[in-house]
Amino acid sequence: MSALLPALIVFGCLAAVMGFFAWLARVIRRHGGAGGGVGAALAAYEEAFRATSHASHHEIQAQAERKAPADSPDGWRRRRGKG
């Protein structure tokens, strides 16, 4: 029994810590306190460790913000490469 006591203490502490984190997550979700902070932390992570996905994200945003080409005054769009 004395050989199992240290393992039981470790597992008991681990269970207590995991229970605390589960409770904390429930409280944060209920009150909505992690919205902006988590978003900023994930953005920093994306920029630091996954630079290609971060760059593509900005490129996709830029493409979405671009406007469609406007018609010419006579109602026809000019095509590139043709007269």
N, C-alpha and C. Protein backbone atom coordinates (compact mmCIF):
# COMPACT_ATOMS: atom_id res chain seq x y z
N MET A 1 0.81 -1.19 0.00
CA MET A 1 0.00 0.00 0.00
C MET A 1 0.86 1.26 0.00
N SER A 2 1.98 1.21 0.70
CA SER A 2 2.84 2.39 0.77
C SER A 2 3.49 2.69 -0.58
N ALA A 3 3.61 1.68 -1.44
CA ALA A 3 4.16 1.91 -2.78
C ALA A 3 3.16 2.63 -3.68
N LEU A 4 1.87 2.46 -3.43
CA LEU A 4 0.84 3.10 -4.25
C LEU A 4 0.50 4.51 -3.80
N LEU A 5 0.90 4.87 -2.59
CA LEU A 5 0.54 6.18 -2.05
C LEU A 5 1.07 7.34 -2.89
N PRO A 6 2.34 7.36 -3.34
CA PRO A 6 2.79 8.47 -4.18
C PRO A 6 2.02 8.56 -5.50
N ALA A 7 1.70 7.43 -6.12
CA ALA A 7 0.95 7.45 -7.38
C ALA A 7 -0.46 7.99 -7.15
N LEU A 8 -1.08 7.59 -6.04
CA LEU A 8 -2.42 8.09 -5.73
C LEU A 8 -2.42 9.59 -5.48
N ILE A 9 -1.38 10.08 -4.83
CA ILE A 9 -1.27 11.52 -4.58
C ILE A 9 -1.12 12.28 -5.90
N VAL A 10 -0.27 11.76 -6.79
CA VAL A 10 -0.06 12.41 -8.10
C VAL A 10 -1.36 12.42 -8.90
N PHE A 11 -2.04 11.28 -8.96
CA PHE A 11 -3.29 11.21 -9.72
C PHE A 11 -4.38 12.06 -9.09
N GLY A 12 -4.40 12.15 -7.78
CA GLY A 12 -5.37 13.01 -7.09
C GLY A 12 -5.14 14.48 -7.40
N CYS A 13 -3.88 14.89 -7.39
CA CYS A 13 -3.55 16.29 -7.73
C CYS A 13 -3.89 16.59 -9.18
N LEU A 14 -3.58 15.64 -10.05
CA LEU A 14 -3.90 15.81 -11.48
C LEU A 14 -5.41 15.94 -11.69
N ALA A 15 -6.18 15.12 -11.02
CA ALA A 15 -7.64 15.20 -11.13
C ALA A 15 -8.16 16.53 -10.60
N ALA A 16 -7.58 17.03 -9.52
CA ALA A 16 -8.00 18.31 -8.96
C ALA A 16 -7.69 19.45 -9.93
N VAL A 17 -6.52 19.43 -10.54
CA VAL A 17 -6.14 20.48 -11.49
C VAL A 17 -7.05 20.43 -12.72
N MET A 18 -7.31 19.24 -13.25
CA MET A 18 -8.19 19.11 -14.42
C MET A 18 -9.61 19.55 -14.09
N GLY A 19 -10.09 19.23 -12.89
CA GLY A 19 -11.40 19.70 -12.46
C GLY A 19 -11.47 21.21 -12.37
N PHE A 20 -10.40 21.82 -11.86
CA PHE A 20 -10.34 23.27 -11.78
C PHE A 20 -10.39 23.89 -13.16
N PHE A 21 -9.62 23.34 -14.11
CA PHE A 21 -9.62 23.89 -15.47
C PHE A 21 -10.98 23.72 -16.15
N ALA A 22 -11.65 22.61 -15.89
CA ALA A 22 -12.99 22.41 -16.46
C ALA A 22 -13.96 23.44 -15.89
N TRP A 23 -13.89 23.68 -14.60
CA TRP A 23 -14.74 24.69 -13.98
C TRP A 23 -14.42 26.07 -14.54
N LEU A 24 -13.14 26.40 -14.67
CA LEU A 24 -12.73 27.70 -15.19
C LEU A 24 -13.20 27.89 -16.63
N ALA A 25 -13.12 26.86 -17.45
CA ALA A 25 -13.59 26.96 -18.83
C ALA A 25 -15.09 27.22 -18.88
N ARG A 26 -15.83 26.57 -18.01
CA ARG A 26 -17.28 26.78 -17.97
C ARG A 26 -17.61 28.21 -17.57
N VAL A 27 -16.89 28.74 -16.59
CA VAL A 27 -17.13 30.12 -16.14
C VAL A 27 -16.77 31.11 -17.25
N ILE A 28 -15.67 30.89 -17.92
CA ILE A 28 -15.25 31.81 -18.99
C ILE A 28 -16.23 31.78 -20.14
N ARG A 29 -16.71 30.59 -20.52
CA ARG A 29 -17.69 30.50 -21.60
C ARG A 29 -19.00 31.19 -21.22
N ARG A 30 -19.40 31.03 -19.97
CA ARG A 30 -20.66 31.62 -19.53
C ARG A 30 -20.60 33.14 -19.54
N HIS A 31 -19.47 33.69 -19.13
CA HIS A 31 -19.34 35.14 -19.04
C HIS A 31 -18.75 35.75 -20.29
N GLY A 32 -18.23 34.95 -21.20
CA GLY A 32 -17.68 35.47 -22.45
C GLY A 32 -16.44 36.31 -22.26
N GLY A 33 -15.59 35.96 -21.34
CA GLY A 33 -14.43 36.77 -21.04
C GLY A 33 -13.19 36.47 -21.86
N ALA A 34 -13.24 35.49 -22.76
CA ALA A 34 -12.03 35.11 -23.46
C ALA A 34 -12.06 35.44 -24.94
N GLY A 35 -13.06 36.15 -25.42
CA GLY A 35 -13.23 36.38 -26.85
C GLY A 35 -12.06 37.08 -27.53
N GLY A 36 -11.78 38.31 -27.13
CA GLY A 36 -10.74 39.09 -27.79
C GLY A 36 -9.34 38.59 -27.48
N GLY A 37 -9.13 38.15 -26.27
CA GLY A 37 -7.80 37.69 -25.88
C GLY A 37 -7.39 36.43 -26.60
N VAL A 38 -8.31 35.50 -26.72
CA VAL A 38 -7.99 34.24 -27.41
C VAL A 38 -7.78 34.51 -28.89
N GLY A 39 -8.59 35.38 -29.48
CA GLY A 39 -8.42 35.72 -30.89
C GLY A 39 -7.07 36.34 -31.16
N ALA A 40 -6.63 37.24 -30.29
CA ALA A 40 -5.33 37.88 -30.46
C ALA A 40 -4.20 36.88 -30.27
N ALA A 41 -4.35 35.98 -29.32
CA ALA A 41 -3.31 34.98 -29.09
C ALA A 41 -3.19 34.04 -30.29
N LEU A 42 -4.32 33.62 -30.85
CA LEU A 42 -4.28 32.75 -32.03
C LEU A 42 -3.72 33.47 -33.24
N ALA A 43 -4.00 34.75 -33.39
CA ALA A 43 -3.43 35.51 -34.50
C ALA A 43 -1.92 35.61 -34.37
N ALA A 44 -1.44 35.83 -33.15
CA ALA A 44 0.01 35.90 -32.93
C ALA A 44 0.66 34.55 -33.21
N TYR A 45 -0.01 33.47 -32.80
CA TYR A 45 0.51 32.13 -33.07
C TYR A 45 0.58 31.87 -34.58
N GLU A 46 -0.48 32.22 -35.28
CA GLU A 46 -0.50 32.01 -36.74
C GLU A 46 0.64 32.78 -37.40
N GLU A 47 0.85 34.01 -36.98
CA GLU A 47 1.88 34.83 -37.61
C GLU A 47 3.27 34.30 -37.31
N ALA A 48 3.48 33.79 -36.11
CA ALA A 48 4.82 33.36 -35.72
C ALA A 48 5.18 31.98 -36.25
N PHE A 49 4.27 31.03 -36.13
CA PHE A 49 4.63 29.65 -36.41
C PHE A 49 4.09 29.11 -37.73
N ARG A 50 3.07 29.74 -38.28
CA ARG A 50 2.54 29.26 -39.55
C ARG A 50 2.43 30.44 -40.49
N ALA A 51 3.59 30.93 -40.92
CA ALA A 51 3.64 32.16 -41.71
C ALA A 51 2.93 32.01 -43.05
N THR A 52 2.97 30.84 -43.66
CA THR A 52 2.33 30.70 -44.97
C THR A 52 0.81 30.78 -44.84
N SER A 53 0.24 30.18 -43.82
CA SER A 53 -1.22 30.27 -43.67
C SER A 53 -1.63 31.68 -43.27
N HIS A 54 -0.78 32.37 -42.51
CA HIS A 54 -1.08 33.75 -42.13
C HIS A 54 -1.06 34.64 -43.37
N ALA A 55 -0.06 34.45 -44.22
CA ALA A 55 0.03 35.25 -45.46
C ALA A 55 -1.15 34.95 -46.37
N SER A 56 -1.53 33.67 -46.49
CA SER A 56 -2.67 33.36 -47.35
C SER A 56 -3.97 33.92 -46.79
N HIS A 57 -4.08 33.97 -45.47
CA HIS A 57 -5.27 34.55 -44.86
C HIS A 57 -5.39 36.02 -45.25
N HIS A 58 -4.28 36.75 -45.21
CA HIS A 58 -4.32 38.16 -45.59
C HIS A 58 -4.60 38.32 -47.08
N GLU A 59 -4.09 37.42 -47.90
CA GLU A 59 -4.36 37.50 -49.33
C GLU A 59 -5.83 37.23 -49.62
N ILE A 60 -6.42 36.27 -48.93
CA ILE A 60 -7.85 35.97 -49.11
C ILE A 60 -8.69 37.17 -48.67
N GLN A 61 -8.31 37.81 -47.58
CA GLN A 61 -9.04 39.00 -47.13
C GLN A 61 -8.93 40.11 -48.17
N ALA A 62 -7.74 40.30 -48.73
CA ALA A 62 -7.56 41.35 -49.74
C ALA A 62 -8.39 41.05 -50.99
N GLN A 63 -8.46 39.79 -51.40
CA GLN A 63 -9.26 39.43 -52.56
C GLN A 63 -10.75 39.66 -52.29
N ALA A 64 -11.18 39.39 -51.08
CA ALA A 64 -12.59 39.59 -50.75
C ALA A 64 -12.97 41.06 -50.73
N GLU A 65 -12.01 41.92 -50.39
CA GLU A 65 -12.29 43.35 -50.31
C GLU A 65 -12.22 44.04 -51.67
N ARG A 66 -11.61 43.40 -52.66
CA ARG A 66 -11.52 44.01 -53.98
C ARG A 66 -12.91 44.10 -54.61
N LYS A 67 -13.10 45.14 -55.38
CA LYS A 67 -14.38 45.31 -56.05
C LYS A 67 -14.29 44.75 -57.47
N ALA A 68 -15.43 44.39 -58.00
CA ALA A 68 -15.48 43.89 -59.38
C ALA A 68 -15.17 45.04 -60.33
N PRO A 69 -14.57 44.75 -61.48
CA PRO A 69 -14.27 45.83 -62.42
C PRO A 69 -15.56 46.48 -62.93
N ALA A 70 -15.52 47.77 -63.06
CA ALA A 70 -16.70 48.52 -63.50
C ALA A 70 -16.82 48.48 -65.01
N ASP A 71 -18.04 48.61 -65.50
CA ASP A 71 -18.27 48.68 -66.95
C ASP A 71 -17.75 50.00 -67.48
N SER A 72 -17.40 49.99 -68.75
CA SER A 72 -16.99 51.24 -69.40
C SER A 72 -18.25 52.06 -69.70
N PRO A 73 -18.09 53.32 -70.04
CA PRO A 73 -19.27 54.17 -70.27
C PRO A 73 -20.21 53.63 -71.36
N ASP A 74 -19.69 52.90 -72.34
CA ASP A 74 -20.57 52.40 -73.39
C ASP A 74 -21.20 51.06 -73.02
N GLY A 75 -20.94 50.56 -71.81
CA GLY A 75 -21.59 49.36 -71.33
C GLY A 75 -20.80 48.08 -71.53
N TRP A 76 -19.63 48.15 -72.14
CA TRP A 76 -18.82 46.96 -72.37
C TRP A 76 -17.61 46.99 -71.47
N ARG A 77 -17.26 45.83 -70.97
CA ARG A 77 -16.02 45.72 -70.19
C ARG A 77 -14.85 45.51 -71.13
N ARG A 78 -13.75 46.13 -70.79
CA ARG A 78 -12.54 45.93 -71.60
C ARG A 78 -11.88 44.66 -71.16
N ARG A 79 -11.49 43.85 -72.10
CA ARG A 79 -10.79 42.61 -71.80
C ARG A 79 -9.30 42.82 -71.99
N ARG A 80 -8.54 42.26 -71.08
CA ARG A 80 -7.08 42.36 -71.19
C ARG A 80 -6.60 41.52 -72.34
N GLY A 81 -5.64 42.04 -73.06
CA GLY A 81 -5.02 41.29 -74.13
C GLY A 81 -5.74 41.41 -75.46
N LYS A 82 -6.92 42.00 -75.46
CA LYS A 82 -7.65 42.17 -76.73
C LYS A 82 -7.93 43.65 -76.94
N GLY A 83 -7.73 44.08 -78.15
CA GLY A 83 -7.92 45.39 -78.67
C GLY A 83 -8.54 46.39 -77.91
